[in-house]
C-alpha atoms as a PDB file:
ATOM      1  CA  MET A   1      20.365   8.811   9.502  1.00  0.00           C
ATOM      2  CA  PRO A   2      16.645   8.038   9.041  1.00  0.00           C
ATOM      3  CA  LYS A   3      14.422   8.235  12.109  1.00  0.00           C
ATOM      4  CA  LEU A   4      12.623   4.898  11.938  1.00  0.00           C
ATOM      5  CA  ALA A   5       9.194   4.544  13.531  1.00  0.00           C
ATOM      6  CA  ALA A   6       7.781   1.088  14.236  1.00  0.00           C
ATOM      7  CA  ASN A   7       4.209   0.723  13.027  1.00  0.00           C
ATOM      8  CA  LEU A   8       2.575  -1.092  15.936  1.00  0.00           C
ATOM      9  CA  SER A   9      -0.409  -2.162  13.843  1.00  0.00           C
ATOM     10  CA  THR A  10       1.818  -4.344  11.654  1.00  0.00           C
ATOM     11  CA  LEU A  11       4.944  -5.059  13.734  1.00  0.00           C
ATOM     12  CA  PHE A  12       5.200  -7.058  16.973  1.00  0.00           C
ATOM     13  CA  THR A  13       1.806  -8.619  16.323  1.00  0.00           C
ATOM     14  CA  GLU A  14       3.013 -11.615  18.346  1.00  0.00           C
ATOM     15  CA  LEU A  15       2.046  -9.431  21.343  1.00  0.00           C
ATOM     16  CA  GLU A  16      -1.080  -7.663  22.537  1.00  0.00           C
ATOM     17  CA  PHE A  17      -1.276  -4.139  21.183  1.00  0.00           C
ATOM     18  CA  LEU A  18      -0.422  -2.276  24.391  1.00  0.00           C
ATOM     19  CA  GLU A  19       2.623  -4.518  24.893  1.00  0.00           C
ATOM     20  CA  ARG A  20       4.061  -3.539  21.522  1.00  0.00           C
ATOM     21  CA  PHE A  21       5.232  -0.103  22.706  1.00  0.00           C
ATOM     22  CA  ALA A  22       7.768  -1.658  25.079  1.00  0.00           C
ATOM     23  CA  ALA A  23       8.713  -4.305  22.512  1.00  0.00           C
ATOM     24  CA  ALA A  24       9.478  -1.609  19.957  1.00  0.00           C
ATOM     25  CA  ARG A  25      11.727   0.247  22.403  1.00  0.00           C
ATOM     26  CA  ALA A  26      13.489  -2.987  23.370  1.00  0.00           C
ATOM     27  CA  ALA A  27      14.213  -3.561  19.676  1.00  0.00           C
ATOM     28  CA  GLY A  28      15.816  -0.106  19.387  1.00  0.00           C
ATOM     29  CA  PHE A  29      12.953   2.075  18.134  1.00  0.00           C
ATOM     30  CA  ARG A  30      12.543   5.480  19.743  1.00  0.00           C
ATOM     31  CA  TYR A  31       9.487   6.336  17.641  1.00  0.00           C
ATOM     32  CA  VAL A  32       6.234   4.498  16.912  1.00  0.00           C
ATOM     33  CA  GLU A  33       3.173   4.977  14.754  1.00  0.00           C
ATOM     34  CA  TYR A  34      -0.024   2.983  14.369  1.00  0.00           C
ATOM     35  CA  GLN A  35      -3.068   2.947  12.135  1.00  0.00           C
ATOM     36  CA  PHE A  36      -6.307   3.154  14.149  1.00  0.00           C
ATOM     37  CA  PRO A  37      -6.060   3.570  17.934  1.00  0.00           C
ATOM     38  CA  TYR A  38      -9.757   3.956  18.665  1.00  0.00           C
ATOM     39  CA  ALA A  39     -10.360   0.514  20.178  1.00  0.00           C
ATOM     40  CA  TRP A  40      -8.275   1.527  23.217  1.00  0.00           C
ATOM     41  CA  PRO A  41      -8.775   4.435  25.623  1.00  0.00           C
ATOM     42  CA  ALA A  42      -6.471   7.302  24.710  1.00  0.00           C
ATOM     43  CA  GLN A  43      -5.009   7.499  28.188  1.00  0.00           C
ATOM     44  CA  GLU A  44      -4.002   3.817  28.077  1.00  0.00           C
ATOM     45  CA  LEU A  45      -2.105   4.476  24.856  1.00  0.00           C
ATOM     46  CA  ALA A  46      -0.439   7.519  26.381  1.00  0.00           C
ATOM     47  CA  GLN A  47       0.575   5.530  29.465  1.00  0.00           C
ATOM     48  CA  ALA A  48       2.020   2.706  27.348  1.00  0.00           C
ATOM     49  CA  ALA A  49       4.048   5.159  25.262  1.00  0.00           C
ATOM     50  CA  ARG A  50       5.376   6.983  28.328  1.00  0.00           C
ATOM     51  CA  ALA A  51       6.269   3.770  30.122  1.00  0.00           C
ATOM     52  CA  ALA A  52       8.151   2.489  27.081  1.00  0.00           C
ATOM     53  CA  GLY A  53       9.899   5.795  26.447  1.00  0.00           C
ATOM     54  CA  VAL A  54       8.772   6.124  22.833  1.00  0.00           C
ATOM     55  CA  GLN A  55       7.269   9.025  20.896  1.00  0.00           C
ATOM     56  CA  VAL A  56       4.095   8.531  18.856  1.00  0.00           C
ATOM     57  CA  VAL A  57       4.581  10.269  15.507  1.00  0.00           C
ATOM     58  CA  LEU A  58       1.537   9.292  13.392  1.00  0.00           C
ATOM     59  CA  HIS A  59      -1.879   7.703  13.370  1.00  0.00           C
ATOM     60  CA  ASN A  60      -4.901   7.808  11.065  1.00  0.00           C
ATOM     61  CA  LEU A  61      -8.141   9.716  11.236  1.00  0.00           C
ATOM     62  CA  PRO A  62     -11.198   7.455  11.625  1.00  0.00           C
ATOM     63  CA  ALA A  63     -11.918   5.827   8.281  1.00  0.00           C
ATOM     64  CA  GLY A  64     -15.565   4.835   8.377  1.00  0.00           C
ATOM     65  CA  ASP A  65     -16.819   1.292   8.886  1.00  0.00           C
ATOM     66  CA  MET A  66     -13.838  -0.895   8.025  1.00  0.00           C
ATOM     67  CA  ALA A  67     -15.818  -4.078   8.786  1.00  0.00           C
ATOM     68  CA  ARG A  68     -18.220  -3.141   5.976  1.00  0.00           C
ATOM     69  CA  GLY A  69     -15.361  -2.526   3.571  1.00  0.00           C
ATOM     70  CA  GLU A  70     -15.019   1.225   3.899  1.00  0.00           C
ATOM     71  CA  ARG A  71     -11.500   2.596   3.523  1.00  0.00           C
ATOM     72  CA  GLY A  72     -11.960   6.210   4.485  1.00  0.00           C
ATOM     73  CA  ILE A  73     -14.755   8.733   4.031  1.00  0.00           C
ATOM     74  CA  ALA A  74     -12.902  11.964   3.258  1.00  0.00           C
ATOM     75  CA  CYS A  75     -13.861  11.978  -0.435  1.00  0.00           C
ATOM     76  CA  LEU A  76     -17.465  10.858   0.025  1.00  0.00           C
ATOM     77  CA  PRO A  77     -20.198  13.482  -0.502  1.00  0.00           C
ATOM     78  CA  GLY A  78     -22.758  13.463   2.270  1.00  0.00           C
ATOM     79  CA  ARG A  79     -20.322  12.236   4.929  1.00  0.00           C
ATOM     80  CA  SER A  80     -18.701  15.563   5.824  1.00  0.00           C
ATOM     81  CA  ARG A  81     -20.354  15.814   9.244  1.00  0.00           C
ATOM     82  CA  GLU A  82     -19.098  12.351  10.117  1.00  0.00           C
ATOM     83  CA  PHE A  83     -15.658  13.284   8.825  1.00  0.00           C
ATOM     84  CA  ARG A  84     -15.553  16.404  10.982  1.00  0.00           C
ATOM     85  CA  ASP A  85     -16.619  14.407  14.035  1.00  0.00           C
ATOM     86  CA  GLY A  86     -13.768  12.021  13.233  1.00  0.00           C
ATOM     87  CA  VAL A  87     -11.313  14.898  13.145  1.00  0.00           C
ATOM     88  CA  GLU A  88     -12.368  15.856  16.661  1.00  0.00           C
ATOM     89  CA  ARG A  89     -12.021  12.280  17.911  1.00  0.00           C
ATOM     90  CA  ALA A  90      -8.583  11.934  16.331  1.00  0.00           C
ATOM     91  CA  LEU A  91      -7.551  15.243  17.835  1.00  0.00           C
ATOM     92  CA  GLU A  92      -8.414  13.946  21.313  1.00  0.00           C
ATOM     93  CA  TYR A  93      -6.279  10.855  20.780  1.00  0.00           C
ATOM     94  CA  ALA A  94      -3.383  12.754  19.234  1.00  0.00           C
ATOM     95  CA  SER A  95      -3.392  15.286  22.059  1.00  0.00           C
ATOM     96  CA  ALA A  96      -3.399  12.543  24.699  1.00  0.00           C
ATOM     97  CA  VAL A  97      -0.298  10.809  23.300  1.00  0.00           C
ATOM     98  CA  GLY A  98       1.482  13.896  21.987  1.00  0.00           C
ATOM     99  CA  CYS A  99       1.216  12.856  18.337  1.00  0.00           C
ATOM    100  CA  ALA A 100       1.911  15.746  15.966  1.00  0.00           C
ATOM    101  CA  ARG A 101       0.725  14.195  12.698  1.00  0.00           C
ATOM    102  CA  LEU A 102      -2.535  12.631  11.494  1.00  0.00           C
ATOM    103  CA  ASN A 103      -3.183  10.800   8.235  1.00  0.00           C
ATOM    104  CA  CYS A 104      -6.393  11.349   6.268  1.00  0.00           C
ATOM    105  CA  ILE A 105      -7.684   8.271   4.380  1.00  0.00           C
ATOM    106  CA  ALA A 106      -9.546   9.349   1.237  1.00  0.00           C
ATOM    107  CA  GLY A 107     -11.861   6.399   0.616  1.00  0.00           C
ATOM    108  CA  LEU A 108     -13.206   4.266  -2.219  1.00  0.00           C
ATOM    109  CA  ALA A 109     -14.758   6.257  -5.040  1.00  0.00           C
ATOM    110  CA  PRO A 110     -14.596   6.984  -8.773  1.00  0.00           C
ATOM    111  CA  VAL A 111     -12.149   9.683  -9.786  1.00  0.00           C
ATOM    112  CA  ASP A 112     -14.547  12.490 -10.606  1.00  0.00           C
ATOM    113  CA  ARG A 113     -15.081  16.128  -9.734  1.00  0.00           C
ATOM    114  CA  SER A 114     -17.590  15.667  -6.923  1.00  0.00           C
ATOM    115  CA  HIS A 115     -15.315  13.320  -4.977  1.00  0.00           C
ATOM    116  CA  PHE A 116     -12.296  15.523  -5.639  1.00  0.00           C
ATOM    117  CA  ASP A 117     -14.091  18.623  -4.397  1.00  0.00           C
ATOM    118  CA  THR A 118     -15.351  16.808  -1.301  1.00  0.00           C
ATOM    119  CA  LEU A 119     -11.848  15.620  -0.465  1.00  0.00           C
ATOM    120  CA  VAL A 120     -10.429  19.107  -0.941  1.00  0.00           C
ATOM    121  CA  ALA A 121     -13.036  20.646   1.365  1.00  0.00           C
ATOM    122  CA  ASN A 122     -12.455  18.022   4.052  1.00  0.00           C
ATOM    123  CA  VAL A 123      -8.679  18.330   3.821  1.00  0.00           C
ATOM    124  CA  ARG A 124      -9.000  22.100   4.150  1.00  0.00           C
ATOM    125  CA  HIS A 125     -11.204  21.766   7.227  1.00  0.00           C
ATOM    126  CA  ALA A 126      -9.004  19.149   8.892  1.00  0.00           C
ATOM    127  CA  ALA A 127      -5.777  21.047   8.200  1.00  0.00           C
ATOM    128  CA  ARG A 128      -7.183  24.232   9.715  1.00  0.00           C
ATOM    129  CA  ARG A 129      -8.687  22.481  12.740  1.00  0.00           C
ATOM    130  CA  LEU A 130      -5.582  20.428  13.476  1.00  0.00           C
ATOM    131  CA  GLY A 131      -3.376  23.442  12.908  1.00  0.00           C
ATOM    132  CA  GLU A 132      -5.063  25.134  15.849  1.00  0.00           C
ATOM    133  CA  ALA A 133      -3.582  22.370  18.029  1.00  0.00           C
ATOM    134  CA  GLY A 134      -0.165  22.331  16.350  1.00  0.00           C
ATOM    135  CA  ILE A 135      -0.888  19.025  14.591  1.00  0.00           C
ATOM    136  CA  GLU A 136      -0.095  18.420  10.915  1.00  0.00           C
ATOM    137  CA  LEU A 137      -2.359  16.678   8.408  1.00  0.00           C
ATOM    138  CA  VAL A 138      -1.074  14.315   5.735  1.00  0.00           C
ATOM    139  CA  ILE A 139      -2.886  12.558   2.890  1.00  0.00           C
ATOM    140  CA  GLU A 140      -1.761   9.231   1.441  1.00  0.00           C
ATOM    141  CA  PRO A 141      -2.077   7.778  -2.062  1.00  0.00           C
ATOM    142  CA  ILE A 142      -2.662   3.997  -1.914  1.00  0.00           C
ATOM    143  CA  ASN A 143      -2.133   1.413  -4.645  1.00  0.00           C
ATOM    144  CA  THR A 144      -5.112  -0.160  -6.386  1.00  0.00           C
ATOM    145  CA  ARG A 145      -3.718  -3.694  -6.139  1.00  0.00           C
ATOM    146  CA  SER A 146      -3.967  -3.682  -2.348  1.00  0.00           C
ATOM    147  CA  VAL A 147      -7.103  -1.513  -2.205  1.00  0.00           C
ATOM    148  CA  PRO A 148      -9.048  -1.716  -5.486  1.00  0.00           C
ATOM    149  CA  GLY A 149     -11.157   1.357  -6.160  1.00  0.00           C
ATOM    150  CA  PHE A 150      -9.254   3.674  -3.830  1.00  0.00           C
ATOM    151  CA  PHE A 151      -9.705   7.306  -4.854  1.00  0.00           C
ATOM    152  CA  LEU A 152      -6.206   8.694  -4.229  1.00  0.00           C
ATOM    153  CA  THR A 153      -3.613   6.583  -6.028  1.00  0.00           C
ATOM    154  CA  ARG A 154      -0.681   8.719  -7.260  1.00  0.00           C
ATOM    155  CA  SER A 155       1.588  11.378  -5.848  1.00  0.00           C
ATOM    156  CA  ALA A 156       0.633  13.924  -8.525  1.00  0.00           C
ATOM    157  CA  GLN A 157      -3.062  13.456  -7.731  1.00  0.00           C
ATOM    158  CA  ALA A 158      -2.372  14.028  -4.034  1.00  0.00           C
ATOM    159  CA  ILE A 159      -0.440  17.203  -4.848  1.00  0.00           C
ATOM    160  CA  ASP A 160      -3.424  18.403  -6.888  1.00  0.00           C
ATOM    161  CA  VAL A 161      -5.625  17.938  -3.803  1.00  0.00           C
ATOM    162  CA  LEU A 162      -3.132  19.742  -1.578  1.00  0.00           C
ATOM    163  CA  ASN A 163      -2.800  22.622  -4.037  1.00  0.00           C
ATOM    164  CA  ALA A 164      -6.566  22.983  -4.264  1.00  0.00           C
ATOM    165  CA  ALA A 165      -6.943  22.899  -0.480  1.00  0.00           C
ATOM    166  CA  GLY A 166      -4.337  25.631  -0.184  1.00  0.00           C
ATOM    167  CA  GLU A 167      -3.341  24.854   3.414  1.00  0.00           C
ATOM    168  CA  ALA A 168       0.330  24.883   4.437  1.00  0.00           C
ATOM    169  CA  ASN A 169      -0.576  22.523   7.289  1.00  0.00           C
ATOM    170  CA  ALA A 170      -1.543  19.728   4.849  1.00  0.00           C
ATOM    171  CA  ARG A 171       1.225  17.642   3.291  1.00  0.00           C
ATOM    172  CA  LEU A 172       1.869  14.372   1.482  1.00  0.00           C
ATOM    173  CA  GLN A 173       2.386  11.017   3.146  1.00  0.00           C
ATOM    174  CA  TYR A 174       4.632   9.145   0.729  1.00  0.00           C
ATOM    175  CA  ASP A 175       4.400   5.390   1.174  1.00  0.00           C
ATOM    176  CA  VAL A 176       7.208   3.767  -0.807  1.00  0.00           C
ATOM    177  CA  PHE A 177       5.325   0.458  -1.106  1.00  0.00           C
ATOM    178  CA  HIS A 178       2.242   2.028  -2.669  1.00  0.00           C
ATOM    179  CA  MET A 179       4.159   4.397  -4.929  1.00  0.00           C
ATOM    180  CA  GLN A 180       6.554   1.747  -6.259  1.00  0.00           C
ATOM    181  CA  ILE A 181       3.525  -0.239  -7.398  1.00  0.00           C
ATOM    182  CA  MET A 182       1.666   2.742  -8.886  1.00  0.00           C
ATOM    183  CA  GLU A 183       4.416   4.853 -10.432  1.00  0.00           C
ATOM    184  CA  GLY A 184       7.990   3.815  -9.560  1.00  0.00           C
ATOM    185  CA  ASP A 185      10.745   6.416 -10.025  1.00  0.00           C
ATOM    186  CA  LEU A 186      11.038   6.640  -6.246  1.00  0.00           C
ATOM    187  CA  ALA A 187      14.328   8.499  -5.907  1.00  0.00           C
ATOM    188  CA  CYS A 188      13.482  11.280  -8.346  1.00  0.00           C
ATOM    189  CA  THR A 189       9.951  11.658  -7.018  1.00  0.00           C
ATOM    190  CA  LEU A 190      11.184  11.931  -3.434  1.00  0.00           C
ATOM    191  CA  GLU A 191      13.678  14.587  -4.490  1.00  0.00           C
ATOM    192  CA  ARG A 192      11.106  16.539  -6.500  1.00  0.00           C
ATOM    193  CA  LEU A 193       8.416  16.445  -3.811  1.00  0.00           C
ATOM    194  CA  LEU A 194      10.584  16.595  -0.700  1.00  0.00           C
ATOM    195  CA  GLY A 195       9.252  19.995   0.346  1.00  0.00           C
ATOM    196  CA  ARG A 196       5.668  18.702   0.196  1.00  0.00           C
ATOM    197  CA  ILE A 197       6.270  15.459   2.109  1.00  0.00           C
ATOM    198  CA  GLY A 198       5.289  15.306   5.769  1.00  0.00           C
ATOM    199  CA  HIS A 199       5.854  11.594   6.411  1.00  0.00           C
ATOM    200  CA  ILE A 200       7.335   8.558   4.668  1.00  0.00           C
ATOM    201  CA  GLN A 201       6.457   4.888   5.105  1.00  0.00           C
ATOM    202  CA  ILE A 202       8.288   1.838   3.827  1.00  0.00           C
ATOM    203  CA  ALA A 203       7.674  -1.802   2.947  1.00  0.00           C
ATOM    204  CA  ASP A 204       9.157  -3.935   0.193  1.00  0.00           C
ATOM    205  CA  VAL A 205       7.398  -4.893  -3.026  1.00  0.00           C
ATOM    206  CA  PRO A 206       5.685  -7.180  -3.997  1.00  0.00           C
ATOM    207  CA  ASP A 207       4.632  -8.775  -0.699  1.00  0.00           C
ATOM    208  CA  ARG A 208       4.782  -5.846   1.761  1.00  0.00           C
ATOM    209  CA  HIS A 209       7.391  -7.569   3.893  1.00  0.00           C
ATOM    210  CA  GLU A 210      10.485  -6.031   5.491  1.00  0.00           C
ATOM    211  CA  PRO A 211      13.133  -4.214   3.406  1.00  0.00           C
ATOM    212  CA  GLY A 212      15.427  -6.688   1.686  1.00  0.00           C
ATOM    213  CA  THR A 213      12.714  -9.187   0.802  1.00  0.00           C
ATOM    214  CA  GLY A 214      11.713  -7.693  -2.533  1.00  0.00           C
ATOM    215  CA  GLU A 215      12.643  -5.435  -5.410  1.00  0.00           C
ATOM    216  CA  ILE A 216      13.396  -2.074  -3.741  1.00  0.00           C
ATOM    217  CA  ASN A 217      16.993  -1.098  -2.936  1.00  0.00           C
ATOM    218  CA  PHE A 218      16.390   0.328   0.527  1.00  0.00           C
ATOM    219  CA  GLY A 219      20.092   0.774   1.273  1.00  0.00           C
ATOM    220  CA  PHE A 220      20.265   3.246  -1.578  1.00  0.00           C
ATOM    221  CA  LEU A 221      16.894   4.819  -0.868  1.00  0.00           C
ATOM    222  CA  LEU A 222      17.567   5.553   2.813  1.00  0.00           C
ATOM    223  CA  ARG A 223      20.989   7.018   1.965  1.00  0.00           C
ATOM    224  CA  HIS A 224      19.250   9.081  -0.702  1.00  0.00           C
ATOM    225  CA  LEU A 225      16.866  10.533   1.889  1.00  0.00           C
ATOM    226  CA  ASP A 226      19.888  11.486   4.001  1.00  0.00           C
ATOM    227  CA  ARG A 227      21.522  13.170   1.018  1.00  0.00           C
ATOM    228  CA  LEU A 228      18.330  15.115   0.359  1.00  0.00           C
ATOM    229  CA  GLY A 229      18.261  16.289   3.971  1.00  0.00           C
ATOM    230  CA  TYR A 230      14.949  14.646   4.870  1.00  0.00           C
ATOM    231  CA  SER A 231      14.508  15.179   8.617  1.00  0.00           C
ATOM    232  CA  GLY A 232      11.105  13.563   9.163  1.00  0.00           C
ATOM    233  CA  TRP A 233      10.192  10.047  10.195  1.00  0.00           C
ATOM    234  CA  VAL A 234      10.240   6.845   8.179  1.00  0.00           C
ATOM    235  CA  GLY A 235       7.411   4.600   9.313  1.00  0.00           C
ATOM    236  CA  CYS A 236       8.003   0.859   9.082  1.00  0.00           C
ATOM    237  CA  GLU A 237       4.540  -0.235   7.983  1.00  0.00           C
ATOM    238  CA  TYR A 238       5.246  -3.709   6.715  1.00  0.00           C
ATOM    239  CA  ASN A 239       4.091  -7.233   7.489  1.00  0.00           C
ATOM    240  CA  PRO A 240       7.073  -9.219   8.803  1.00  0.00           C
ATOM    241  CA  SER A 241       7.776 -12.389   6.848  1.00  0.00           C
ATOM    242  CA  GLY A 242       8.458 -14.128  10.183  1.00  0.00           C
ATOM    243  CA  ASP A 243       9.233 -13.032  13.713  1.00  0.00           C
ATOM    244  CA  THR A 244       9.344  -9.229  13.943  1.00  0.00           C
ATOM    245  CA  VAL A 245      12.644  -8.958  15.843  1.00  0.00           C
ATOM    246  CA  ALA A 246      14.377 -11.607  13.729  1.00  0.00           C
ATOM    247  CA  GLY A 247      13.395  -9.635  10.642  1.00  0.00           C
ATOM    248  CA  LEU A 248      14.964  -6.370  11.847  1.00  0.00           C
ATOM    249  CA  THR A 249      18.474  -7.170  10.611  1.00  0.00           C
ATOM    250  CA  TRP A 250      18.066  -4.587   7.871  1.00  0.00           C
ATOM    251  CA  ALA A 251      17.257  -1.854  10.444  1.00  0.00           C
ATOM    252  CA  LYS A 252      20.017  -2.427  13.010  1.00  0.00           C
ATOM    253  CA  PRO A 253      22.308   0.338  11.656  1.00  0.00           C
ATOM    254  CA  TYR A 254      19.506   2.854  12.230  1.00  0.00           C
ATOM    255  CA  LEU A 255      18.219   1.746  15.663  1.00  0.00           C
ATOM    256  CA  SER A 256      19.313   2.949  19.102  1.00  0.00           C
ATOM    257  CA  PRO A 257      20.193   0.616  21.989  1.00  0.00           C
END
């Protein structure tokens, strides 16, 4: 049975962020993830998670100046010092909440050798540094419809980066929403890359709403992950089409009272 994690950056947005931990547990989630926690003190996040009785399983490294349109800096030459400082900040937050996995956002850039090499070097550094603390690094391809100009867009490209980095502590974050848009063939790709995948996220296509609102057969896909023996988490990073709890009908077989 898949271990579903509520993404608190996209679910329960009817509530203030720190209230969403308890709301997720009340809805049956034992695990949570979120995108960028840095607007809140790490200890407040840790207290909210402990009080709710949920485990934090993923959040992102700092991704540059989002207000100015940046979507990550890991592939940008000349920003490596800033990237390394971000790794240290993320490590503090992950350690405070007991999160064992951090996602590296590549950034907006042309697909060329200089950006590839920069990303490889930064992934190598982050994987080694996080490994010292027992924390895993993942990298995520993102579709170009949602984020035009994003550098890392396909699973094969991400595997090329991971192979070049050569670090066992760096793995693939496979987001079903992004990969259905960019390449499809979800079931076979998940089977082929299962040993390289450190985290999975889900949302339906085309509108990034909850499973059952679009074209992906999530009943089949989640059973397929069980058949493959996937033991990691499945992050629910979707935008509810209405009230979050009302839209969880699809998830009830997988949630704990």
